[in-house]
C-alpha atoms as a PDB file:
ATOM      1  CA  MET A   1    -175.153-136.574  81.712  1.00  0.00           C
ATOM      2  CA  ARG A   2    -171.730-136.343  82.997  1.00  0.00           C
ATOM      3  CA  TRP A   3    -169.955-136.300  79.978  1.00  0.00           C
ATOM      4  CA  LYS A   4    -172.070-133.556  78.537  1.00  0.00           C
ATOM      5  CA  VAL A   5    -171.451-131.082  81.715  1.00  0.00           C
ATOM      6  CA  VAL A   6    -167.321-131.956  80.724  1.00  0.00           C
ATOM      7  CA  THR A   7    -168.097-131.281  77.463  1.00  0.00           C
ATOM      8  CA  ALA A   8    -169.452-128.106  77.754  1.00  0.00           C
ATOM      9  CA  MET A   9    -166.860-126.955  80.404  1.00  0.00           C
ATOM     10  CA  LEU A  10    -164.356-127.721  77.904  1.00  0.00           C
ATOM     11  CA  LEU A  11    -166.084-125.928  75.116  1.00  0.00           C
ATOM     12  CA  LEU A  12    -166.074-122.917  77.313  1.00  0.00           C
ATOM     13  CA  ALA A  13    -162.523-123.042  78.424  1.00  0.00           C
ATOM     14  CA  LEU A  14    -161.361-123.292  74.722  1.00  0.00           C
ATOM     15  CA  ASN A  15    -163.566-120.237  73.782  1.00  0.00           C
ATOM     16  CA  ASN A  16    -161.693-118.062  76.547  1.00  0.00           C
ATOM     17  CA  ILE A  17    -158.150-119.327  75.460  1.00  0.00           C
ATOM     18  CA  THR A  18    -158.893-118.091  71.809  1.00  0.00           C
ATOM     19  CA  TYR A  19    -159.420-114.761  73.030  1.00  0.00           C
ATOM     20  CA  ALA A  20    -156.057-114.686  75.179  1.00  0.00           C
ATOM     21  CA  GLN A  21    -153.901-111.684  74.554  1.00  0.00           C
ATOM     22  CA  ILE A  22    -149.761-111.389  75.428  1.00  0.00           C
ATOM     23  CA  ALA A  23    -149.115-107.907  76.986  1.00  0.00           C
ATOM     24  CA  ASP A  24    -145.560-107.182  77.730  1.00  0.00           C
ATOM     25  CA  VAL A  25    -145.847-104.800  80.951  1.00  0.00           C
ATOM     26  CA  SER A  26    -143.737-103.610  84.089  1.00  0.00           C
ATOM     27  CA  GLY A  27    -144.738-102.747  87.529  1.00  0.00           C
ATOM     28  CA  VAL A  28    -143.298-100.458  90.225  1.00  0.00           C
ATOM     29  CA  GLY A  29    -143.803-100.884  93.583  1.00  0.00           C
ATOM     30  CA  GLU A  30    -141.866-100.541  97.067  1.00  0.00           C
ATOM     31  CA  ASP A  31    -142.013-104.372  97.594  1.00  0.00           C
ATOM     32  CA  ARG A  32    -142.439-107.459  95.459  1.00  0.00           C
ATOM     33  CA  ASP A  33    -145.835-107.748  95.813  1.00  0.00           C
ATOM     34  CA  SER A  34    -146.852-104.114  95.121  1.00  0.00           C
ATOM     35  CA  ALA A  35    -145.225-104.137  91.813  1.00  0.00           C
ATOM     36  CA  LEU A  36    -146.721-107.311  90.682  1.00  0.00           C
ATOM     37  CA  ARG A  37    -150.156-105.610  91.237  1.00  0.00           C
ATOM     38  CA  ASP A  38    -149.334-102.807  89.335  1.00  0.00           C
ATOM     39  CA  ALA A  39    -147.977-105.250  86.527  1.00  0.00           C
ATOM     40  CA  LYS A  40    -151.215-106.663  86.603  1.00  0.00           C
ATOM     41  CA  ARG A  41    -153.317-103.345  86.694  1.00  0.00           C
ATOM     42  CA  ASN A  42    -151.188-101.966  83.615  1.00  0.00           C
ATOM     43  CA  ALA A  43    -151.590-105.377  81.479  1.00  0.00           C
ATOM     44  CA  VAL A  44    -155.458-104.895  81.878  1.00  0.00           C
ATOM     45  CA  GLU A  45    -155.322-101.571  81.020  1.00  0.00           C
ATOM     46  CA  GLN A  46    -153.425-102.144  77.726  1.00  0.00           C
ATOM     47  CA  VAL A  47    -155.279-104.939  76.579  1.00  0.00           C
ATOM     48  CA  VAL A  48    -158.680-104.044  77.600  1.00  0.00           C
ATOM     49  CA  GLY A  49    -158.695-100.216  78.144  1.00  0.00           C
ATOM     50  CA  THR A  50    -159.414 -97.730  80.592  1.00  0.00           C
ATOM     51  CA  TYR A  51    -162.901 -96.550  81.559  1.00  0.00           C
ATOM     52  CA  ILE A  52    -163.675 -93.828  83.850  1.00  0.00           C
ATOM     53  CA  ASN A  53    -166.870 -93.481  85.336  1.00  0.00           C
ATOM     54  CA  SER A  54    -167.617 -90.496  87.721  1.00  0.00           C
ATOM     55  CA  GLU A  55    -170.442 -88.782  89.456  1.00  0.00           C
ATOM     56  CA  THR A  56    -170.829 -85.765  91.135  1.00  0.00           C
END
């Protein structure tokens, strides 16, 4: 039973690795943490895109 769970987890992990992409981005901020947060947001926007949903 245990090896079935481990095998399933490995297959799921390998599936996610095959869809990995490399994004070359930069971030701007007042300190290192805010610049890193901005760079991560920019990387996600570059790979996935930006979706805006607004209701009034």
